[in-house]
Amino acid sequence: MHNDSIETLLLRHYGHTAPTPPALEQRLIASVHTQAAELRQQQHIANRIRNNRISRRRVIGLVALSSAGLGLLSVGLESLQTLEANLLGRDVSQTRSAFS
């Protein structure tokens, strides 16, 4: 069945008396063009990744940058908790231990 044409599948499903859906051929052609464009884009991205190797130095730099960003985020969250505790008069010692 995977080699059946669209016409064969429609006939098998709807029979000989069923009308052809309006603009079926145009929609099928548009769908095929869209899928082909997506495939070309995926192949282009794969080729670009394959050809543009990343050096170890660049990878280490990216890891260090992301670690620093996570550290800043952690400090920011702790500051927000402290600010919330000061504004609302809550004891946040229990919540701090959960984040530490």
PDB file of N, CA and C in Angstrom:
ATOM      1  N   MET A   1       0.813  -1.188   0.000  1.00  0.00           N
ATOM      2  CA  MET A   1       0.000   0.000   0.000  1.00  0.00           C
ATOM      3  C   MET A   1       0.862   1.260   0.000  1.00  0.00           C
ATOM      4  N   HIS A   2       2.113   1.185   0.447  1.00  0.00           N
ATOM      5  CA  HIS A   2       2.961   2.368   0.487  1.00  0.00           C
ATOM      6  C   HIS A   2       3.344   2.848  -0.913  1.00  0.00           C
ATOM      7  N   ASN A   3       3.166   2.027  -1.934  1.00  0.00           N
ATOM      8  CA  ASN A   3       3.480   2.428  -3.306  1.00  0.00           C
ATOM      9  C   ASN A   3       2.245   2.857  -4.084  1.00  0.00           C
ATOM     10  N   ASP A   4       1.079   2.830  -3.444  1.00  0.00           N
ATOM     11  CA  ASP A   4      -0.158   3.197  -4.125  1.00  0.00           C
ATOM     12  C   ASP A   4      -0.176   4.685  -4.438  1.00  0.00           C
ATOM     13  N   SER A   5      -0.769   5.030  -5.564  1.00  0.00           N
ATOM     14  CA  SER A   5      -0.895   6.440  -5.923  1.00  0.00           C
ATOM     15  C   SER A   5      -2.016   7.079  -5.112  1.00  0.00           C
ATOM     16  N   ILE A   6      -2.062   8.393  -5.127  1.00  0.00           N
ATOM     17  CA  ILE A   6      -3.114   9.131  -4.432  1.00  0.00           C
ATOM     18  C   ILE A   6      -4.484   8.744  -4.987  1.00  0.00           C
ATOM     19  N   GLU A   7      -4.561   8.615  -6.293  1.00  0.00           N
ATOM     20  CA  GLU A   7      -5.832   8.257  -6.915  1.00  0.00           C
ATOM     21  C   GLU A   7      -6.320   6.893  -6.427  1.00  0.00           C
ATOM     22  N   THR A   8      -5.407   5.921  -6.330  1.00  0.00           N
ATOM     23  CA  THR A   8      -5.772   4.593  -5.867  1.00  0.00           C
ATOM     24  C   THR A   8      -6.261   4.629  -4.429  1.00  0.00           C
ATOM     25  N   LEU A   9      -5.579   5.376  -3.594  1.00  0.00           N
ATOM     26  CA  LEU A   9      -5.990   5.481  -2.192  1.00  0.00           C
ATOM     27  C   LEU A   9      -7.352   6.147  -2.059  1.00  0.00           C
ATOM     28  N   LEU A  10      -7.585   7.223  -2.845  1.00  0.00           N
ATOM     29  CA  LEU A  10      -8.881   7.895  -2.787  1.00  0.00           C
ATOM     30  C   LEU A  10     -10.005   6.982  -3.268  1.00  0.00           C
ATOM     31  N   LEU A  11      -9.744   6.255  -4.343  1.00  0.00           N
ATOM     32  CA  LEU A  11     -10.757   5.327  -4.850  1.00  0.00           C
ATOM     33  C   LEU A  11     -11.047   4.218  -3.846  1.00  0.00           C
ATOM     34  N   ARG A  12     -10.000   3.706  -3.213  1.00  0.00           N
ATOM     35  CA  ARG A  12     -10.188   2.642  -2.239  1.00  0.00           C
ATOM     36  C   ARG A  12     -10.986   3.145  -1.039  1.00  0.00           C
ATOM     37  N   HIS A  13     -10.756   4.380  -0.639  1.00  0.00           N
ATOM     38  CA  HIS A  13     -11.415   4.919   0.544  1.00  0.00           C
ATOM     39  C   HIS A  13     -12.827   5.432   0.246  1.00  0.00           C
ATOM     40  N   TYR A  14     -12.986   6.154  -0.851  1.00  0.00           N
ATOM     41  CA  TYR A  14     -14.264   6.808  -1.143  1.00  0.00           C
ATOM     42  C   TYR A  14     -15.087   6.116  -2.233  1.00  0.00           C
ATOM     43  N   GLY A  15     -14.485   5.306  -3.052  1.00  0.00           N
ATOM     44  CA  GLY A  15     -15.199   4.655  -4.136  1.00  0.00           C
ATOM     45  C   GLY A  15     -15.213   5.510  -5.398  1.00  0.00           C
ATOM     46  N   HIS A  16     -15.826   4.993  -6.458  1.00  0.00           N
ATOM     47  CA  HIS A  16     -15.836   5.674  -7.755  1.00  0.00           C
ATOM     48  C   HIS A  16     -16.798   6.849  -7.808  1.00  0.00           C
ATOM     49  N   THR A  17     -17.771   6.891  -6.919  1.00  0.00           N
ATOM     50  CA  THR A  17     -18.797   7.930  -6.999  1.00  0.00           C
ATOM     51  C   THR A  17     -18.438   9.181  -6.199  1.00  0.00           C
ATOM     52  N   ALA A  18     -17.396   9.141  -5.409  1.00  0.00           N
ATOM     53  CA  ALA A  18     -17.044  10.287  -4.568  1.00  0.00           C
ATOM     54  C   ALA A  18     -16.445  11.403  -5.413  1.00  0.00           C
ATOM     55  N   PRO A  19     -16.799  12.640  -5.126  1.00  0.00           N
ATOM     56  CA  PRO A  19     -16.208  13.753  -5.858  1.00  0.00           C
ATOM     57  C   PRO A  19     -14.772  14.008  -5.393  1.00  0.00           C
ATOM     58  N   THR A  20     -13.984  14.528  -6.289  1.00  0.00           N
ATOM     59  CA  THR A  20     -12.613  14.897  -5.946  1.00  0.00           C
ATOM     60  C   THR A  20     -12.653  16.161  -5.098  1.00  0.00           C
ATOM     61  N   PRO A  21     -11.910  16.193  -4.008  1.00  0.00           N
ATOM     62  CA  PRO A  21     -11.893  17.414  -3.187  1.00  0.00           C
ATOM     63  C   PRO A  21     -11.416  18.606  -4.013  1.00  0.00           C
ATOM     64  N   PRO A  22     -11.969  19.788  -3.739  1.00  0.00           N
ATOM     65  CA  PRO A  22     -11.584  20.966  -4.528  1.00  0.00           C
ATOM     66  C   PRO A  22     -10.111  21.315  -4.332  1.00  0.00           C
ATOM     67  N   ALA A  23      -9.468  21.634  -5.409  1.00  0.00           N
ATOM     68  CA  ALA A  23      -8.061  22.060  -5.429  1.00  0.00           C
ATOM     69  C   ALA A  23      -7.129  21.035  -4.792  1.00  0.00           C
ATOM     70  N   LEU A  24      -7.456  19.765  -4.948  1.00  0.00           N
ATOM     71  CA  LEU A  24      -6.639  18.706  -4.349  1.00  0.00           C
ATOM     72  C   LEU A  24      -5.226  18.707  -4.918  1.00  0.00           C
ATOM     73  N   GLU A  25      -5.141  18.805  -6.227  1.00  0.00           N
ATOM     74  CA  GLU A  25      -3.812  18.745  -6.854  1.00  0.00           C
ATOM     75  C   GLU A  25      -2.939  19.924  -6.419  1.00  0.00           C
ATOM     76  N   GLN A  26      -3.506  21.118  -6.343  1.00  0.00           N
ATOM     77  CA  GLN A  26      -2.737  22.289  -5.921  1.00  0.00           C
ATOM     78  C   GLN A  26      -2.271  22.139  -4.471  1.00  0.00           C
ATOM     79  N   ARG A  27      -3.157  21.618  -3.610  1.00  0.00           N
ATOM     80  CA  ARG A  27      -2.771  21.439  -2.210  1.00  0.00           C
ATOM     81  C   ARG A  27      -1.674  20.386  -2.067  1.00  0.00           C
ATOM     82  N   LEU A  28      -1.767  19.309  -2.848  1.00  0.00           N
ATOM     83  CA  LEU A  28      -0.737  18.280  -2.797  1.00  0.00           C
ATOM     84  C   LEU A  28       0.604  18.812  -3.294  1.00  0.00           C
ATOM     85  N   ILE A  29       0.565  19.575  -4.382  1.00  0.00           N
ATOM     86  CA  ILE A  29       1.803  20.153  -4.918  1.00  0.00           C
ATOM     87  C   ILE A  29       2.420  21.119  -3.911  1.00  0.00           C
ATOM     88  N   ALA A  30       1.581  21.946  -3.290  1.00  0.00           N
ATOM     89  CA  ALA A  30       2.087  22.887  -2.278  1.00  0.00           C
ATOM     90  C   ALA A  30       2.695  22.138  -1.098  1.00  0.00           C
ATOM     91  N   SER A  31       2.062  21.048  -0.693  1.00  0.00           N
ATOM     92  CA  SER A  31       2.577  20.247   0.421  1.00  0.00           C
ATOM     93  C   SER A  31       3.928  19.631   0.072  1.00  0.00           C
ATOM     94  N   VAL A  32       4.047  19.115  -1.145  1.00  0.00           N
ATOM     95  CA  VAL A  32       5.314  18.521  -1.578  1.00  0.00           C
ATOM     96  C   VAL A  32       6.407  19.581  -1.629  1.00  0.00           C
ATOM     97  N   HIS A  33       6.091  20.776  -2.132  1.00  0.00           N
ATOM     98  CA  HIS A  33       7.084  21.860  -2.184  1.00  0.00           C
ATOM     99  C   HIS A  33       7.511  22.279  -0.780  1.00  0.00           C
ATOM    100  N   THR A  34       6.561  22.345   0.141  1.00  0.00           N
ATOM    101  CA  THR A  34       6.886  22.722   1.521  1.00  0.00           C
ATOM    102  C   THR A  34       7.796  21.685   2.157  1.00  0.00           C
ATOM    103  N   GLN A  35       7.471  20.408   1.975  1.00  0.00           N
ATOM    104  CA  GLN A  35       8.303  19.353   2.537  1.00  0.00           C
ATOM    105  C   GLN A  35       9.701  19.362   1.920  1.00  0.00           C
ATOM    106  N   ALA A  36       9.783  19.626   0.640  1.00  0.00           N
ATOM    107  CA  ALA A  36      11.091  19.686  -0.022  1.00  0.00           C
ATOM    108  C   ALA A  36      11.905  20.851   0.515  1.00  0.00           C
ATOM    109  N   ALA A  37      11.261  21.987   0.735  1.00  0.00           N
ATOM    110  CA  ALA A  37      11.967  23.156   1.285  1.00  0.00           C
ATOM    111  C   ALA A  37      12.466  22.874   2.703  1.00  0.00           C
ATOM    112  N   GLU A  38      11.645  22.212   3.519  1.00  0.00           N
ATOM    113  CA  GLU A  38      12.068  21.859   4.871  1.00  0.00           C
ATOM    114  C   GLU A  38      13.243  20.892   4.843  1.00  0.00           C
ATOM    115  N   LEU A  39      13.199  19.931   3.943  1.00  0.00           N
ATOM    116  CA  LEU A  39      14.295  18.971   3.817  1.00  0.00           C
ATOM    117  C   LEU A  39      15.582  19.668   3.384  1.00  0.00           C
ATOM    118  N   ARG A  40      15.475  20.585   2.414  1.00  0.00           N
ATOM    119  CA  ARG A  40      16.656  21.335   1.988  1.00  0.00           C
ATOM    120  C   ARG A  40      17.235  22.150   3.140  1.00  0.00           C
ATOM    121  N   GLN A  41      16.374  22.760   3.933  1.00  0.00           N
ATOM    122  CA  GLN A  41      16.842  23.561   5.059  1.00  0.00           C
ATOM    123  C   GLN A  41      17.539  22.677   6.093  1.00  0.00           C
ATOM    124  N   GLN A  42      16.981  21.514   6.384  1.00  0.00           N
ATOM    125  CA  GLN A  42      17.614  20.603   7.328  1.00  0.00           C
ATOM    126  C   GLN A  42      18.970  20.123   6.810  1.00  0.00           C
ATOM    127  N   GLN A  43      19.048  19.834   5.518  1.00  0.00           N
ATOM    128  CA  GLN A  43      20.315  19.417   4.934  1.00  0.00           C
ATOM    129  C   GLN A  43      21.334  20.545   4.978  1.00  0.00           C
ATOM    130  N   HIS A  44      20.887  21.773   4.736  1.00  0.00           N
ATOM    131  CA  HIS A  44      21.783  22.927   4.796  1.00  0.00           C
ATOM    132  C   HIS A  44      22.337  23.099   6.211  1.00  0.00           C
ATOM    133  N   ILE A  45      21.469  22.974   7.209  1.00  0.00           N
ATOM    134  CA  ILE A  45      21.912  23.105   8.599  1.00  0.00           C
ATOM    135  C   ILE A  45      22.883  21.984   8.952  1.00  0.00           C
ATOM    136  N   ALA A  46      22.579  20.758   8.534  1.00  0.00           N
ATOM    137  CA  ALA A  46      23.473  19.631   8.812  1.00  0.00           C
ATOM    138  C   ALA A  46      24.829  19.831   8.155  1.00  0.00           C
ATOM    139  N   ASN A  47      24.853  20.317   6.913  1.00  0.00           N
ATOM    140  CA  ASN A  47      26.126  20.580   6.224  1.00  0.00           C
ATOM    141  C   ASN A  47      26.908  21.679   6.921  1.00  0.00           C
ATOM    142  N   ARG A  48      26.211  22.714   7.355  1.00  0.00           N
ATOM    143  CA  ARG A  48      26.890  23.822   8.035  1.00  0.00           C
ATOM    144  C   ARG A  48      27.503  23.351   9.350  1.00  0.00           C
ATOM    145  N   ILE A  49      26.767  22.534  10.101  1.00  0.00           N
ATOM    146  CA  ILE A  49      27.298  22.013  11.362  1.00  0.00           C
ATOM    147  C   ILE A  49      28.483  21.089  11.090  1.00  0.00           C
ATOM    148  N   ARG A  50      28.366  20.275  10.061  1.00  0.00           N
ATOM    149  CA  ARG A  50      29.442  19.342   9.729  1.00  0.00           C
ATOM    150  C   ARG A  50      30.705  20.085   9.283  1.00  0.00           C
ATOM    151  N   ASN A  51      30.543  21.175   8.560  1.00  0.00           N
ATOM    152  CA  ASN A  51      31.699  21.890   8.020  1.00  0.00           C
ATOM    153  C   ASN A  51      32.297  22.890   8.991  1.00  0.00           C
ATOM    154  N   ASN A  52      31.509  23.420   9.886  1.00  0.00           N
ATOM    155  CA  ASN A  52      32.007  24.417  10.836  1.00  0.00           C
ATOM    156  C   ASN A  52      32.259  23.752  12.178  1.00  0.00           C
ATOM    157  N   ARG A  53      33.417  23.196  12.314  1.00  0.00           N
ATOM    158  CA  ARG A  53      33.789  22.532  13.555  1.00  0.00           C
ATOM    159  C   ARG A  53      33.999  23.589  14.637  1.00  0.00           C
ATOM    160  N   ILE A  54      33.694  23.209  15.873  1.00  0.00           N
ATOM    161  CA  ILE A  54      33.885  24.108  17.001  1.00  0.00           C
ATOM    162  C   ILE A  54      35.152  23.673  17.725  1.00  0.00           C
ATOM    163  N   SER A  55      36.024  24.631  17.990  1.00  0.00           N
ATOM    164  CA  SER A  55      37.274  24.304  18.666  1.00  0.00           C
ATOM    165  C   SER A  55      37.025  24.035  20.146  1.00  0.00           C
ATOM    166  N   ARG A  56      37.952  23.320  20.753  1.00  0.00           N
ATOM    167  CA  ARG A  56      37.841  23.034  22.191  1.00  0.00           C
ATOM    168  C   ARG A  56      37.879  24.328  22.994  1.00  0.00           C
ATOM    169  N   ARG A  57      38.662  25.263  22.556  1.00  0.00           N
ATOM    170  CA  ARG A  57      38.758  26.545  23.256  1.00  0.00           C
ATOM    171  C   ARG A  57      37.407  27.250  23.251  1.00  0.00           C
ATOM    172  N   ARG A  58      36.720  27.217  22.131  1.00  0.00           N
ATOM    173  CA  ARG A  58      35.406  27.851  22.032  1.00  0.00           C
ATOM    174  C   ARG A  58      34.378  27.136  22.921  1.00  0.00           C
ATOM    175  N   VAL A  59      34.428  25.799  22.948  1.00  0.00           N
ATOM    176  CA  VAL A  59      33.514  25.035  23.794  1.00  0.00           C
ATOM    177  C   VAL A  59      33.755  25.363  25.264  1.00  0.00           C
ATOM    178  N   ILE A  60      35.015  25.422  25.682  1.00  0.00           N
ATOM    179  CA  ILE A  60      35.327  25.751  27.072  1.00  0.00           C
ATOM    180  C   ILE A  60      34.847  27.158  27.405  1.00  0.00           C
ATOM    181  N   GLY A  61      35.012  28.079  26.463  1.00  0.00           N
ATOM    182  CA  GLY A  61      34.519  29.444  26.679  1.00  0.00           C
ATOM    183  C   GLY A  61      33.008  29.477  26.838  1.00  0.00           C
ATOM    184  N   LEU A  62      32.291  28.722  26.020  1.00  0.00           N
ATOM    185  CA  LEU A  62      30.828  28.675  26.127  1.00  0.00           C
ATOM    186  C   LEU A  62      30.383  28.058  27.446  1.00  0.00           C
ATOM    187  N   VAL A  63      31.072  26.996  27.878  1.00  0.00           N
ATOM    188  CA  VAL A  63      30.736  26.372  29.159  1.00  0.00           C
ATOM    189  C   VAL A  63      30.994  27.334  30.308  1.00  0.00           C
ATOM    190  N   ALA A  64      32.121  28.032  30.265  1.00  0.00           N
ATOM    191  CA  ALA A  64      32.428  28.994  31.325  1.00  0.00           C
ATOM    192  C   ALA A  64      31.400  30.124  31.353  1.00  0.00           C
ATOM    193  N   LEU A  65      31.021  30.595  30.188  1.00  0.00           N
ATOM    194  CA  LEU A  65      30.032  31.674  30.114  1.00  0.00           C
ATOM    195  C   LEU A  65      28.685  31.217  30.661  1.00  0.00           C
ATOM    196  N   SER A  66      28.267  30.011  30.314  1.00  0.00           N
ATOM    197  CA  SER A  66      26.975  29.524  30.813  1.00  0.00           C
ATOM    198  C   SER A  66      27.038  29.274  32.314  1.00  0.00           C
ATOM    199  N   SER A  67      28.182  28.800  32.833  1.00  0.00           N
ATOM    200  CA  SER A  67      28.326  28.599  34.279  1.00  0.00           C
ATOM    201  C   SER A  67      28.260  29.923  35.013  1.00  0.00           C
ATOM    202  N   ALA A  68      28.899  30.935  34.458  1.00  0.00           N
ATOM    203  CA  ALA A  68      28.846  32.261  35.086  1.00  0.00           C
ATOM    204  C   ALA A  68      27.419  32.788  35.073  1.00  0.00           C
ATOM    205  N   GLY A  69      26.710  32.566  33.988  1.00  0.00           N
ATOM    206  CA  GLY A  69      25.321  33.007  33.910  1.00  0.00           C
ATOM    207  C   GLY A  69      24.453  32.314  34.941  1.00  0.00           C
ATOM    208  N   LEU A  70      24.673  31.011  35.147  1.00  0.00           N
ATOM    209  CA  LEU A  70      23.915  30.277  36.155  1.00  0.00           C
ATOM    210  C   LEU A  70      24.253  30.772  37.558  1.00  0.00           C
ATOM    211  N   GLY A  71      25.511  31.095  37.775  1.00  0.00           N
ATOM    212  CA  GLY A  71      25.909  31.641  39.076  1.00  0.00           C
ATOM    213  C   GLY A  71      25.224  32.967  39.355  1.00  0.00           C
ATOM    214  N   LEU A  72      25.193  33.834  38.358  1.00  0.00           N
ATOM    215  CA  LEU A  72      24.510  35.117  38.517  1.00  0.00           C
ATOM    216  C   LEU A  72      23.019  34.927  38.752  1.00  0.00           C
ATOM    217  N   LEU A  73      22.430  33.976  38.075  1.00  0.00           N
ATOM    218  CA  LEU A  73      21.014  33.693  38.268  1.00  0.00           C
ATOM    219  C   LEU A  73      20.746  33.213  39.687  1.00  0.00           C
ATOM    220  N   SER A  74      21.615  32.374  40.203  1.00  0.00           N
ATOM    221  CA  SER A  74      21.474  31.872  41.573  1.00  0.00           C
ATOM    222  C   SER A  74      21.575  33.015  42.581  1.00  0.00           C
ATOM    223  N   VAL A  75      22.543  33.893  42.385  1.00  0.00           N
ATOM    224  CA  VAL A  75      22.695  35.047  43.275  1.00  0.00           C
ATOM    225  C   VAL A  75      21.474  35.945  43.176  1.00  0.00           C
ATOM    226  N   GLY A  76      20.972  36.127  41.989  1.00  0.00           N
ATOM    227  CA  GLY A  76      19.782  36.959  41.800  1.00  0.00           C
ATOM    228  C   GLY A  76      18.565  36.381  42.499  1.00  0.00           C
ATOM    229  N   LEU A  77      18.382  35.069  42.415  1.00  0.00           N
ATOM    230  CA  LEU A  77      17.254  34.432  43.093  1.00  0.00           C
ATOM    231  C   LEU A  77      17.375  34.560  44.598  1.00  0.00           C
ATOM    232  N   GLU A  78      18.586  34.392  45.106  1.00  0.00           N
ATOM    233  CA  GLU A  78      18.795  34.544  46.546  1.00  0.00           C
ATOM    234  C   GLU A  78      18.519  35.972  46.986  1.00  0.00           C
ATOM    235  N   SER A  79      18.912  36.939  46.178  1.00  0.00           N
ATOM    236  CA  SER A  79      18.648  38.343  46.502  1.00  0.00           C
ATOM    237  C   SER A  79      17.157  38.623  46.508  1.00  0.00           C
ATOM    238  N   LEU A  80      16.435  38.038  45.563  1.00  0.00           N
ATOM    239  CA  LEU A  80      14.990  38.235  45.525  1.00  0.00           C
ATOM    240  C   LEU A  80      14.319  37.638  46.751  1.00  0.00           C
ATOM    241  N   GLN A  81      14.797  36.500  47.189  1.00  0.00           N
ATOM    242  CA  GLN A  81      14.230  35.890  48.388  1.00  0.00           C
ATOM    243  C   GLN A  81      14.475  36.764  49.610  1.00  0.00           C
ATOM    244  N   THR A  82      15.680  37.311  49.718  1.00  0.00           N
ATOM    245  CA  THR A  82      16.004  38.186  50.834  1.00  0.00           C
ATOM    246  C   THR A  82      15.153  39.442  50.789  1.00  0.00           C
ATOM    247  N   LEU A  83      14.996  40.006  49.601  1.00  0.00           N
ATOM    248  CA  LEU A  83      14.170  41.204  49.444  1.00  0.00           C
ATOM    249  C   LEU A  83      12.719  40.904  49.809  1.00  0.00           C
ATOM    250  N   GLU A  84      12.217  39.774  49.364  1.00  0.00           N
ATOM    251  CA  GLU A  84      10.851  39.388  49.694  1.00  0.00           C
ATOM    252  C   GLU A  84      10.692  39.221  51.203  1.00  0.00           C
ATOM    253  N   ALA A  85      11.675  38.594  51.847  1.00  0.00           N
ATOM    254  CA  ALA A  85      11.609  38.401  53.291  1.00  0.00           C
ATOM    255  C   ALA A  85      11.596  39.740  54.016  1.00  0.00           C
ATOM    256  N   ASN A  86      12.411  40.681  53.555  1.00  0.00           N
ATOM    257  CA  ASN A  86      12.461  41.999  54.193  1.00  0.00           C
ATOM    258  C   ASN A  86      11.170  42.777  53.981  1.00  0.00           C
ATOM    259  N   LEU A  87      10.591  42.666  52.795  1.00  0.00           N
ATOM    260  CA  LEU A  87       9.370  43.410  52.504  1.00  0.00           C
ATOM    261  C   LEU A  87       8.151  42.811  53.198  1.00  0.00           C
ATOM    262  N   LEU A  88       8.093  41.500  53.255  1.00  0.00           N
ATOM    263  CA  LEU A  88       6.918  40.836  53.805  1.00  0.00           C
ATOM    264  C   LEU A  88       7.109  40.392  55.250  1.00  0.00           C
ATOM    265  N   GLY A  89       8.315  40.490  55.779  1.00  0.00           N
ATOM    266  CA  GLY A  89       8.574  40.111  57.157  1.00  0.00           C
ATOM    267  C   GLY A  89       8.521  38.616  57.385  1.00  0.00           C
ATOM    268  N   ARG A  90       8.879  37.829  56.392  1.00  0.00           N
ATOM    269  CA  ARG A  90       8.860  36.367  56.510  1.00  0.00           C
ATOM    270  C   ARG A  90      10.254  35.853  56.839  1.00  0.00           C
ATOM    271  N   ASP A  91      10.266  34.671  57.441  1.00  0.00           N
ATOM    272  CA  ASP A  91      11.524  33.981  57.690  1.00  0.00           C
ATOM    273  C   ASP A  91      11.791  33.071  56.494  1.00  0.00           C
ATOM    274  N   VAL A  92      12.846  33.344  55.747  1.00  0.00           N
ATOM    275  CA  VAL A  92      13.141  32.570  54.535  1.00  0.00           C
ATOM    276  C   VAL A  92      14.272  31.586  54.749  1.00  0.00           C
ATOM    277  N   SER A  93      14.654  31.330  55.989  1.00  0.00           N
ATOM    278  CA  SER A  93      15.767  30.399  56.239  1.00  0.00           C
ATOM    279  C   SER A  93      15.445  29.004  55.736  1.00  0.00           C
ATOM    280  N   GLN A  94      14.172  28.590  55.815  1.00  0.00           N
ATOM    281  CA  GLN A  94      13.788  27.257  55.322  1.00  0.00           C
ATOM    282  C   GLN A  94      13.866  27.202  53.811  1.00  0.00           C
ATOM    283  N   THR A  95      13.435  28.244  53.127  1.00  0.00           N
ATOM    284  CA  THR A  95      13.465  28.221  51.670  1.00  0.00           C
ATOM    285  C   THR A  95      14.880  28.325  51.155  1.00  0.00           C
ATOM    286  N   ARG A  96      15.761  29.030  51.859  1.00  0.00           N
ATOM    287  CA  ARG A  96      17.153  29.131  51.423  1.00  0.00           C
ATOM    288  C   ARG A  96      17.826  27.772  51.461  1.00  0.00           C
ATOM    289  N   SER A  97      17.547  26.981  52.484  1.00  0.00           N
ATOM    290  CA  SER A  97      18.190  25.676  52.565  1.00  0.00           C
ATOM    291  C   SER A  97      17.743  24.773  51.422  1.00  0.00           C
ATOM    292  N   ALA A  98      16.546  24.974  50.921  1.00  0.00           N
ATOM    293  CA  ALA A  98      16.068  24.162  49.807  1.00  0.00           C
ATOM    294  C   ALA A  98      16.793  24.513  48.515  1.00  0.00           C
ATOM    295  N   PHE A  99      17.226  25.765  48.372  1.00  0.00           N
ATOM    296  CA  PHE A  99      17.907  26.179  47.149  1.00  0.00           C
ATOM    297  C   PHE A  99      19.415  25.994  47.237  1.00  0.00           C
ATOM    298  N   SER A 100      19.939  25.772  48.405  1.00  0.00           N
ATOM    299  CA  SER A 100      21.392  25.638  48.573  1.00  0.00           C
ATOM    300  C   SER A 100      21.848  24.246  48.259  1.00  0.00           C
TER     301      SER A 100
END
